[in-house]
Amino acid sequence: MRLIPIAAGVAACLCAAFAAAAPLNYTGTWTLDKAASQSLPAQFAAVERQQLVTYQDSNTLKVSSVSNAGGKVLSETVQYATNGSDTEYEALNRNRLGWARWAPAHAQMAFDEQGRAHLGTAVNTTFFGAPVRRTMQETWQLSPDGSTLTIQAQVAGHDATLVYHRDTSVAAR
């Protein structure tokens, strides 16, 4: 009989440990706060509104980026495997002249002990006929109340901090 309370206590501790180690859920609709963001890349100057629509389950994190700039809407979706395996997709690749085309790309992600998501993408393209590999690294972190998503991004050697706020008027998809 004395083993039952001990077993229940051990089970409760194990459940708490697994719950604490579970990754945070980034599901939601997030709107970029340009004023709160730092070192935004030059292409963000023309962006009037930028949103991330994210959905996460135990196997994937799906990120749809929708930007409104100069009367145009640009959209791209990347799906990451939450187990860290490589995911292939077609990326919209834009060059300095504004030309866009689809290019083969790879995406990977992992969670750390604090629940931050570490995302990486690599796009294989060409520049004046020469092969080029464009990479991006991001670290996602939620505020304690879950209302703010801060992304530390590094794209082509440029570091930026992007601050997004959860849009509570839109139901998560």
N, C-alpha and C. Protein backbone atom coordinates (compact mmCIF):
# COMPACT_ATOMS: atom_id res chain seq x y z
N MET A 1 0.81 -1.20 0.00
CA MET A 1 0.00 0.00 0.00
C MET A 1 0.86 1.27 0.00
N ARG A 2 2.04 1.21 0.62
CA ARG A 2 2.88 2.39 0.67
C ARG A 2 3.47 2.71 -0.71
N LEU A 3 3.52 1.72 -1.59
CA LEU A 3 4.09 1.94 -2.91
C LEU A 3 3.16 2.76 -3.81
N ILE A 4 1.86 2.70 -3.57
CA ILE A 4 0.92 3.43 -4.43
C ILE A 4 1.16 4.94 -4.36
N PRO A 5 1.26 5.55 -3.17
CA PRO A 5 1.53 7.00 -3.14
C PRO A 5 2.89 7.34 -3.74
N ILE A 6 3.90 6.50 -3.54
CA ILE A 6 5.22 6.75 -4.10
C ILE A 6 5.16 6.67 -5.62
N ALA A 7 4.51 5.64 -6.15
CA ALA A 7 4.37 5.48 -7.60
C ALA A 7 3.59 6.65 -8.20
N ALA A 8 2.55 7.10 -7.51
CA ALA A 8 1.77 8.23 -8.01
C ALA A 8 2.62 9.49 -8.02
N GLY A 9 3.46 9.68 -7.00
CA GLY A 9 4.34 10.85 -6.95
C GLY A 9 5.37 10.83 -8.06
N VAL A 10 5.96 9.66 -8.32
CA VAL A 10 6.94 9.53 -9.41
C VAL A 10 6.26 9.80 -10.75
N ALA A 11 5.06 9.26 -10.95
CA ALA A 11 4.33 9.49 -12.20
C ALA A 11 4.02 10.97 -12.39
N ALA A 12 3.64 11.65 -11.32
CA ALA A 12 3.34 13.08 -11.40
C ALA A 12 4.59 13.87 -11.77
N CYS A 13 5.74 13.51 -11.19
CA CYS A 13 7.00 14.21 -11.51
C CYS A 13 7.38 13.98 -12.97
N LEU A 14 7.22 12.75 -13.46
CA LEU A 14 7.54 12.46 -14.86
C LEU A 14 6.63 13.24 -15.80
N CYS A 15 5.33 13.30 -15.48
CA CYS A 15 4.40 14.06 -16.32
C CYS A 15 4.77 15.53 -16.34
N ALA A 16 5.14 16.09 -15.21
CA ALA A 16 5.54 17.50 -15.15
C ALA A 16 6.81 17.73 -15.96
N ALA A 17 7.75 16.79 -15.90
CA ALA A 17 9.00 16.94 -16.65
C ALA A 17 8.74 16.91 -18.15
N PHE A 18 7.86 15.98 -18.60
CA PHE A 18 7.55 15.92 -20.03
C PHE A 18 6.78 17.15 -20.47
N ALA A 19 5.87 17.65 -19.63
CA ALA A 19 5.10 18.84 -19.98
C ALA A 19 6.03 20.05 -20.09
N ALA A 20 7.01 20.17 -19.22
CA ALA A 20 7.94 21.31 -19.26
C ALA A 20 8.83 21.24 -20.49
N ALA A 21 9.14 20.03 -20.96
CA ALA A 21 10.03 19.86 -22.10
C ALA A 21 9.29 19.99 -23.43
N ALA A 22 7.97 20.02 -23.43
CA ALA A 22 7.20 20.10 -24.66
C ALA A 22 7.46 21.44 -25.34
N PRO A 23 7.61 21.43 -26.68
CA PRO A 23 7.84 22.69 -27.38
C PRO A 23 6.62 23.60 -27.30
N LEU A 24 6.86 24.89 -27.39
CA LEU A 24 5.77 25.85 -27.41
C LEU A 24 5.01 25.71 -28.72
N ASN A 25 3.76 26.13 -28.71
CA ASN A 25 2.95 26.07 -29.93
C ASN A 25 2.89 27.46 -30.54
N TYR A 26 3.35 27.59 -31.77
CA TYR A 26 3.44 28.86 -32.47
C TYR A 26 2.24 29.12 -33.38
N THR A 27 1.19 28.31 -33.28
CA THR A 27 0.01 28.48 -34.12
C THR A 27 -0.63 29.84 -33.90
N GLY A 28 -0.95 30.51 -35.00
CA GLY A 28 -1.64 31.80 -34.91
C GLY A 28 -1.45 32.65 -36.14
N THR A 29 -2.05 33.81 -36.12
CA THR A 29 -1.85 34.82 -37.15
C THR A 29 -1.09 35.96 -36.50
N TRP A 30 0.05 36.30 -37.09
CA TRP A 30 0.98 37.26 -36.50
C TRP A 30 1.20 38.41 -37.47
N THR A 31 1.11 39.65 -36.97
CA THR A 31 1.31 40.85 -37.80
C THR A 31 2.60 41.54 -37.39
N LEU A 32 3.42 41.86 -38.41
CA LEU A 32 4.71 42.51 -38.16
C LEU A 32 4.51 43.91 -37.60
N ASP A 33 5.25 44.22 -36.54
CA ASP A 33 5.30 45.55 -35.97
C ASP A 33 6.62 46.17 -36.42
N LYS A 34 6.57 46.93 -37.52
CA LYS A 34 7.80 47.50 -38.09
C LYS A 34 8.48 48.46 -37.11
N ALA A 35 7.70 49.19 -36.33
CA ALA A 35 8.29 50.16 -35.38
C ALA A 35 9.07 49.46 -34.27
N ALA A 36 8.61 48.31 -33.83
CA ALA A 36 9.28 47.58 -32.75
C ALA A 36 10.42 46.70 -33.27
N SER A 37 10.43 46.42 -34.57
CA SER A 37 11.48 45.59 -35.17
C SER A 37 12.75 46.40 -35.34
N GLN A 38 13.89 45.69 -35.45
CA GLN A 38 15.18 46.36 -35.57
C GLN A 38 15.95 45.81 -36.76
N SER A 39 16.66 46.71 -37.44
CA SER A 39 17.55 46.35 -38.55
C SER A 39 16.81 45.58 -39.64
N LEU A 40 15.62 46.03 -39.98
CA LEU A 40 14.87 45.36 -41.04
C LEU A 40 15.62 45.45 -42.36
N PRO A 41 15.60 44.38 -43.16
CA PRO A 41 16.22 44.44 -44.49
C PRO A 41 15.56 45.53 -45.34
N ALA A 42 16.29 46.04 -46.32
CA ALA A 42 15.81 47.15 -47.15
C ALA A 42 14.48 46.85 -47.83
N GLN A 43 14.24 45.59 -48.21
CA GLN A 43 13.01 45.28 -48.93
C GLN A 43 11.76 45.47 -48.07
N PHE A 44 11.92 45.58 -46.74
CA PHE A 44 10.77 45.81 -45.87
C PHE A 44 10.29 47.26 -45.90
N ALA A 45 11.08 48.17 -46.46
CA ALA A 45 10.68 49.58 -46.53
C ALA A 45 9.38 49.73 -47.32
N ALA A 46 9.20 48.94 -48.36
CA ALA A 46 8.00 49.03 -49.20
C ALA A 46 6.83 48.21 -48.67
N VAL A 47 7.07 47.40 -47.65
CA VAL A 47 6.01 46.52 -47.13
C VAL A 47 5.04 47.34 -46.27
N GLU A 48 3.78 47.33 -46.69
CA GLU A 48 2.74 48.03 -45.93
C GLU A 48 2.21 47.17 -44.79
N ARG A 49 2.12 45.88 -45.03
CA ARG A 49 1.61 44.94 -44.02
C ARG A 49 2.22 43.57 -44.30
N GLN A 50 2.69 42.93 -43.25
CA GLN A 50 3.26 41.60 -43.40
C GLN A 50 2.73 40.72 -42.28
N GLN A 51 2.20 39.57 -42.66
CA GLN A 51 1.66 38.63 -41.67
C GLN A 51 2.26 37.25 -41.86
N LEU A 52 2.36 36.56 -40.74
CA LEU A 52 2.67 35.13 -40.74
C LEU A 52 1.42 34.41 -40.26
N VAL A 53 0.99 33.42 -41.01
CA VAL A 53 -0.10 32.57 -40.57
C VAL A 53 0.54 31.21 -40.34
N THR A 54 0.52 30.77 -39.07
CA THR A 54 1.23 29.55 -38.71
C THR A 54 0.28 28.51 -38.14
N TYR A 55 0.60 27.25 -38.42
CA TYR A 55 -0.13 26.13 -37.83
C TYR A 55 0.90 25.10 -37.41
N GLN A 56 0.76 24.61 -36.20
CA GLN A 56 1.71 23.63 -35.67
C GLN A 56 0.95 22.46 -35.08
N ASP A 57 1.40 21.26 -35.42
CA ASP A 57 0.93 20.06 -34.73
C ASP A 57 2.17 19.28 -34.29
N SER A 58 2.01 18.05 -33.88
CA SER A 58 3.15 17.30 -33.34
C SER A 58 4.20 16.97 -34.40
N ASN A 59 3.85 17.05 -35.69
CA ASN A 59 4.79 16.67 -36.75
C ASN A 59 5.31 17.83 -37.60
N THR A 60 4.55 18.92 -37.68
CA THR A 60 4.93 19.99 -38.61
C THR A 60 4.67 21.38 -38.04
N LEU A 61 5.39 22.33 -38.59
CA LEU A 61 5.12 23.75 -38.40
C LEU A 61 4.97 24.31 -39.81
N LYS A 62 3.78 24.78 -40.13
CA LYS A 62 3.50 25.34 -41.45
C LYS A 62 3.46 26.85 -41.31
N VAL A 63 4.28 27.55 -42.11
CA VAL A 63 4.39 29.00 -42.02
C VAL A 63 4.04 29.60 -43.38
N SER A 64 2.97 30.39 -43.41
CA SER A 64 2.59 31.12 -44.62
C SER A 64 2.88 32.59 -44.37
N SER A 65 3.70 33.17 -45.23
CA SER A 65 4.06 34.58 -45.13
C SER A 65 3.30 35.33 -46.21
N VAL A 66 2.58 36.38 -45.81
CA VAL A 66 1.80 37.18 -46.75
C VAL A 66 2.21 38.64 -46.56
N SER A 67 2.72 39.24 -47.64
CA SER A 67 3.17 40.63 -47.59
C SER A 67 2.41 41.47 -48.60
N ASN A 68 2.01 42.66 -48.17
CA ASN A 68 1.39 43.64 -49.05
C ASN A 68 2.40 44.75 -49.27
N ALA A 69 2.80 44.94 -50.53
CA ALA A 69 3.79 45.98 -50.84
C ALA A 69 3.51 46.55 -52.22
N GLY A 70 3.41 47.86 -52.30
CA GLY A 70 3.22 48.52 -53.59
C GLY A 70 2.00 48.03 -54.34
N GLY A 71 0.94 47.72 -53.63
CA GLY A 71 -0.28 47.24 -54.28
C GLY A 71 -0.24 45.78 -54.69
N LYS A 72 0.84 45.08 -54.39
CA LYS A 72 0.96 43.65 -54.72
C LYS A 72 0.93 42.82 -53.45
N VAL A 73 0.45 41.61 -53.59
CA VAL A 73 0.44 40.67 -52.48
C VAL A 73 1.39 39.53 -52.84
N LEU A 74 2.39 39.33 -51.99
CA LEU A 74 3.34 38.24 -52.17
C LEU A 74 3.10 37.21 -51.08
N SER A 75 3.07 35.95 -51.46
CA SER A 75 2.76 34.90 -50.50
C SER A 75 3.69 33.72 -50.73
N GLU A 76 4.10 33.11 -49.63
CA GLU A 76 4.94 31.91 -49.70
C GLU A 76 4.65 31.06 -48.47
N THR A 77 4.64 29.74 -48.66
CA THR A 77 4.40 28.82 -47.55
C THR A 77 5.54 27.82 -47.46
N VAL A 78 6.02 27.62 -46.24
CA VAL A 78 7.07 26.64 -45.96
C VAL A 78 6.55 25.73 -44.87
N GLN A 79 6.75 24.44 -45.04
CA GLN A 79 6.35 23.47 -44.02
C GLN A 79 7.60 22.80 -43.48
N TYR A 80 7.78 22.90 -42.16
CA TYR A 80 8.94 22.33 -41.48
C TYR A 80 8.53 21.07 -40.73
N ALA A 81 9.38 20.06 -40.75
CA ALA A 81 9.16 18.86 -39.94
C ALA A 81 9.70 19.14 -38.54
N THR A 82 8.88 18.96 -37.51
CA THR A 82 9.31 19.29 -36.15
C THR A 82 10.34 18.31 -35.60
N ASN A 83 10.59 17.22 -36.30
CA ASN A 83 11.60 16.26 -35.82
C ASN A 83 13.00 16.58 -36.33
N GLY A 84 13.16 17.71 -37.04
CA GLY A 84 14.47 18.13 -37.50
C GLY A 84 14.87 17.60 -38.86
N SER A 85 14.04 16.78 -39.48
CA SER A 85 14.42 16.25 -40.78
C SER A 85 14.26 17.31 -41.87
N ASP A 86 14.96 17.10 -42.97
CA ASP A 86 14.98 18.04 -44.08
C ASP A 86 13.66 17.97 -44.85
N THR A 87 13.12 19.15 -45.20
CA THR A 87 11.90 19.24 -45.99
C THR A 87 12.22 19.97 -47.27
N GLU A 88 11.88 19.39 -48.41
CA GLU A 88 12.10 20.06 -49.69
C GLU A 88 10.83 20.82 -50.08
N TYR A 89 11.02 22.00 -50.70
CA TYR A 89 9.89 22.78 -51.18
C TYR A 89 10.37 23.70 -52.29
N GLU A 90 9.44 24.39 -52.95
CA GLU A 90 9.77 25.36 -53.98
C GLU A 90 9.64 26.75 -53.38
N ALA A 91 10.71 27.53 -53.41
CA ALA A 91 10.72 28.87 -52.83
C ALA A 91 10.57 29.91 -53.92
N LEU A 92 9.85 30.98 -53.59
CA LEU A 92 9.76 32.11 -54.50
C LEU A 92 11.05 32.91 -54.33
N ASN A 93 11.85 32.95 -55.37
CA ASN A 93 13.15 33.59 -55.32
C ASN A 93 13.08 34.91 -56.07
N ARG A 94 13.34 36.01 -55.37
CA ARG A 94 13.31 37.34 -55.98
C ARG A 94 14.73 37.89 -56.04
N ASN A 95 15.07 38.51 -57.17
CA ASN A 95 16.40 39.13 -57.25
C ASN A 95 16.28 40.64 -57.12
N ARG A 96 17.41 41.33 -57.19
CA ARG A 96 17.44 42.79 -57.00
C ARG A 96 16.66 43.54 -58.05
N LEU A 97 16.46 42.95 -59.21
CA LEU A 97 15.71 43.61 -60.29
C LEU A 97 14.21 43.38 -60.16
N GLY A 98 13.80 42.61 -59.18
CA GLY A 98 12.39 42.35 -58.95
C GLY A 98 11.84 41.14 -59.68
N TRP A 99 12.69 40.45 -60.44
CA TRP A 99 12.24 39.26 -61.11
C TRP A 99 12.06 38.15 -60.10
N ALA A 100 11.05 37.35 -60.31
CA ALA A 100 10.78 36.26 -59.36
C ALA A 100 10.59 34.95 -60.13
N ARG A 101 11.02 33.88 -59.52
CA ARG A 101 10.77 32.55 -60.08
C ARG A 101 10.86 31.55 -58.93
N TRP A 102 10.36 30.37 -59.17
CA TRP A 102 10.41 29.33 -58.16
C TRP A 102 11.74 28.62 -58.23
N ALA A 103 12.32 28.30 -57.08
CA ALA A 103 13.62 27.66 -57.02
C ALA A 103 13.57 26.54 -55.97
N PRO A 104 14.33 25.46 -56.17
CA PRO A 104 14.36 24.39 -55.17
C PRO A 104 14.95 24.87 -53.86
N ALA A 105 14.35 24.43 -52.76
CA ALA A 105 14.80 24.87 -51.44
C ALA A 105 14.66 23.74 -50.43
N HIS A 106 15.34 23.91 -49.29
CA HIS A 106 15.29 22.94 -48.19
C HIS A 106 15.03 23.69 -46.89
N ALA A 107 14.28 23.07 -46.00
CA ALA A 107 13.96 23.68 -44.71
C ALA A 107 14.19 22.67 -43.59
N GLN A 108 14.69 23.15 -42.45
CA GLN A 108 14.87 22.33 -41.26
C GLN A 108 14.53 23.15 -40.03
N MET A 109 14.10 22.49 -38.97
CA MET A 109 13.84 23.18 -37.71
C MET A 109 14.12 22.25 -36.54
N ALA A 110 14.31 22.86 -35.38
CA ALA A 110 14.50 22.12 -34.13
C ALA A 110 14.08 23.03 -32.99
N PHE A 111 13.65 22.42 -31.89
CA PHE A 111 13.31 23.17 -30.68
C PHE A 111 14.45 23.03 -29.69
N ASP A 112 14.71 24.09 -28.92
CA ASP A 112 15.71 23.99 -27.86
C ASP A 112 15.01 23.80 -26.51
N GLU A 113 15.79 23.76 -25.43
CA GLU A 113 15.25 23.47 -24.09
C GLU A 113 14.27 24.54 -23.61
N GLN A 114 14.41 25.78 -24.10
CA GLN A 114 13.51 26.86 -23.70
C GLN A 114 12.26 26.95 -24.56
N GLY A 115 12.11 26.04 -25.52
CA GLY A 115 10.94 26.05 -26.39
C GLY A 115 11.09 26.93 -27.60
N ARG A 116 12.26 27.56 -27.76
CA ARG A 116 12.48 28.38 -28.96
C ARG A 116 12.59 27.46 -30.17
N ALA A 117 12.09 27.95 -31.29
CA ALA A 117 12.18 27.21 -32.54
C ALA A 117 13.34 27.78 -33.35
N HIS A 118 14.20 26.91 -33.84
CA HIS A 118 15.32 27.30 -34.68
C HIS A 118 15.03 26.80 -36.09
N LEU A 119 14.83 27.73 -37.03
CA LEU A 119 14.45 27.39 -38.39
C LEU A 119 15.56 27.79 -39.35
N GLY A 120 15.77 26.97 -40.35
CA GLY A 120 16.78 27.27 -41.36
C GLY A 120 16.25 26.89 -42.73
N THR A 121 16.54 27.73 -43.72
CA THR A 121 16.18 27.41 -45.10
C THR A 121 17.38 27.68 -45.99
N ALA A 122 17.44 26.97 -47.08
CA ALA A 122 18.47 27.16 -48.10
C ALA A 122 17.80 27.07 -49.46
N VAL A 123 18.02 28.09 -50.28
CA VAL A 123 17.44 28.14 -51.63
C VAL A 123 18.57 28.03 -52.63
N ASN A 124 18.43 27.11 -53.56
CA ASN A 124 19.43 26.93 -54.62
C ASN A 124 18.93 27.65 -55.87
N THR A 125 19.71 28.63 -56.34
CA THR A 125 19.30 29.42 -57.49
C THR A 125 20.53 29.76 -58.32
N THR A 126 20.37 30.64 -59.29
CA THR A 126 21.50 31.09 -60.09
C THR A 126 21.53 32.62 -60.12
N PHE A 127 22.71 33.16 -60.31
CA PHE A 127 22.89 34.60 -60.46
C PHE A 127 23.80 34.79 -61.67
N PHE A 128 23.24 35.35 -62.74
CA PHE A 128 23.95 35.50 -64.01
C PHE A 128 24.57 34.17 -64.45
N GLY A 129 23.79 33.09 -64.28
CA GLY A 129 24.21 31.77 -64.73
C GLY A 129 25.05 30.99 -63.74
N ALA A 130 25.52 31.63 -62.68
CA ALA A 130 26.35 30.93 -61.69
C ALA A 130 25.47 30.42 -60.55
N PRO A 131 25.70 29.19 -60.08
CA PRO A 131 24.90 28.67 -58.97
C PRO A 131 25.15 29.45 -57.68
N VAL A 132 24.06 29.71 -56.97
CA VAL A 132 24.11 30.45 -55.70
C VAL A 132 23.24 29.72 -54.69
N ARG A 133 23.68 29.66 -53.46
CA ARG A 133 22.89 29.07 -52.38
C ARG A 133 22.62 30.18 -51.36
N ARG A 134 21.34 30.58 -51.24
CA ARG A 134 20.93 31.64 -50.31
C ARG A 134 20.39 30.97 -49.04
N THR A 135 20.92 31.35 -47.89
CA THR A 135 20.49 30.72 -46.64
C THR A 135 19.85 31.74 -45.70
N MET A 136 19.04 31.23 -44.81
CA MET A 136 18.40 32.04 -43.79
C MET A 136 18.32 31.22 -42.51
N GLN A 137 18.63 31.84 -41.38
CA GLN A 137 18.51 31.21 -40.07
C GLN A 137 17.60 32.09 -39.22
N GLU A 138 16.67 31.48 -38.50
CA GLU A 138 15.78 32.22 -37.62
C GLU A 138 15.66 31.52 -36.28
N THR A 139 15.53 32.31 -35.22
CA THR A 139 15.20 31.79 -33.89
C THR A 139 13.92 32.46 -33.46
N TRP A 140 12.88 31.67 -33.22
CA TRP A 140 11.57 32.16 -32.82
C TRP A 140 11.42 32.03 -31.31
N GLN A 141 10.89 33.08 -30.69
CA GLN A 141 10.64 33.04 -29.25
C GLN A 141 9.32 33.75 -28.95
N LEU A 142 8.48 33.08 -28.16
CA LEU A 142 7.21 33.66 -27.73
C LEU A 142 7.39 34.42 -26.43
N SER A 143 6.63 35.50 -26.26
CA SER A 143 6.60 36.20 -24.97
C SER A 143 5.91 35.30 -23.96
N PRO A 144 6.12 35.53 -22.67
CA PRO A 144 5.49 34.67 -21.65
C PRO A 144 3.96 34.59 -21.78
N ASP A 145 3.31 35.67 -22.21
CA ASP A 145 1.84 35.63 -22.35
C ASP A 145 1.40 35.12 -23.73
N GLY A 146 2.35 34.82 -24.63
CA GLY A 146 2.03 34.26 -25.94
C GLY A 146 1.50 35.27 -26.95
N SER A 147 1.56 36.56 -26.63
CA SER A 147 0.99 37.57 -27.53
C SER A 147 2.00 38.16 -28.51
N THR A 148 3.30 37.94 -28.26
CA THR A 148 4.33 38.51 -29.12
C THR A 148 5.30 37.42 -29.56
N LEU A 149 5.59 37.41 -30.83
CA LEU A 149 6.56 36.50 -31.42
C LEU A 149 7.75 37.33 -31.87
N THR A 150 8.92 37.04 -31.33
CA THR A 150 10.14 37.74 -31.72
C THR A 150 11.00 36.77 -32.51
N ILE A 151 11.42 37.21 -33.69
CA ILE A 151 12.24 36.38 -34.56
C ILE A 151 13.59 37.06 -34.76
N GLN A 152 14.64 36.37 -34.35
CA GLN A 152 16.00 36.80 -34.64
C GLN A 152 16.36 36.14 -35.97
N ALA A 153 16.60 36.95 -37.00
CA ALA A 153 16.83 36.40 -38.34
C ALA A 153 18.19 36.80 -38.86
N GLN A 154 18.78 35.88 -39.62
CA GLN A 154 20.01 36.18 -40.33
C GLN A 154 19.83 35.71 -41.76
N VAL A 155 19.86 36.68 -42.68
CA VAL A 155 19.70 36.39 -44.10
C VAL A 155 20.89 37.01 -44.83
N ALA A 156 21.64 36.19 -45.52
CA ALA A 156 22.78 36.66 -46.30
C ALA A 156 23.69 37.59 -45.50
N GLY A 157 23.97 37.22 -44.26
CA GLY A 157 24.87 38.00 -43.42
C GLY A 157 24.24 39.21 -42.75
N HIS A 158 22.96 39.45 -42.97
CA HIS A 158 22.26 40.59 -42.37
C HIS A 158 21.47 40.09 -41.17
N ASP A 159 21.69 40.68 -39.99
CA ASP A 159 20.95 40.33 -38.78
C ASP A 159 19.79 41.29 -38.59
N ALA A 160 18.64 40.75 -38.23
CA ALA A 160 17.45 41.58 -37.99
C ALA A 160 16.65 40.97 -36.85
N THR A 161 15.91 41.81 -36.16
CA THR A 161 14.96 41.37 -35.13
C THR A 161 13.57 41.78 -35.61
N LEU A 162 12.73 40.80 -35.85
CA LEU A 162 11.37 41.05 -36.31
C LEU A 162 10.41 40.78 -35.17
N VAL A 163 9.54 41.73 -34.90
CA VAL A 163 8.58 41.61 -33.80
C VAL A 163 7.18 41.51 -34.40
N TYR A 164 6.47 40.45 -34.06
CA TYR A 164 5.11 40.21 -34.53
C TYR A 164 4.18 40.15 -33.32
N HIS A 165 2.96 40.63 -33.52
CA HIS A 165 1.94 40.54 -32.48
C HIS A 165 0.83 39.62 -32.97
N ARG A 166 0.34 38.82 -32.04
CA ARG A 166 -0.74 37.88 -32.37
C ARG A 166 -2.01 38.67 -32.69
N ASP A 167 -2.63 38.31 -33.80
CA ASP A 167 -3.90 38.92 -34.20
C ASP A 167 -5.01 38.09 -33.57
N THR A 168 -5.59 38.61 -32.53
CA THR A 168 -6.62 37.86 -31.80
C THR A 168 -7.98 37.94 -32.49
N SER A 169 -8.11 38.78 -33.51
CA SER A 169 -9.39 38.88 -34.22
C SER A 169 -9.54 37.79 -35.28
N VAL A 170 -8.45 37.05 -35.57
CA VAL A 170 -8.47 36.01 -36.58
C VAL A 170 -8.32 34.66 -35.86
N ALA A 171 -9.22 33.74 -36.17
CA ALA A 171 -9.13 32.39 -35.58
C ALA A 171 -7.95 31.66 -36.18
N ALA A 172 -7.20 30.93 -35.34
CA ALA A 172 -6.06 30.14 -35.83
C ALA A 172 -6.56 29.07 -36.77
N ARG A 173 -5.76 28.80 -37.81
CA ARG A 173 -6.15 27.80 -38.80
C ARG A 173 -5.42 26.52 -38.57
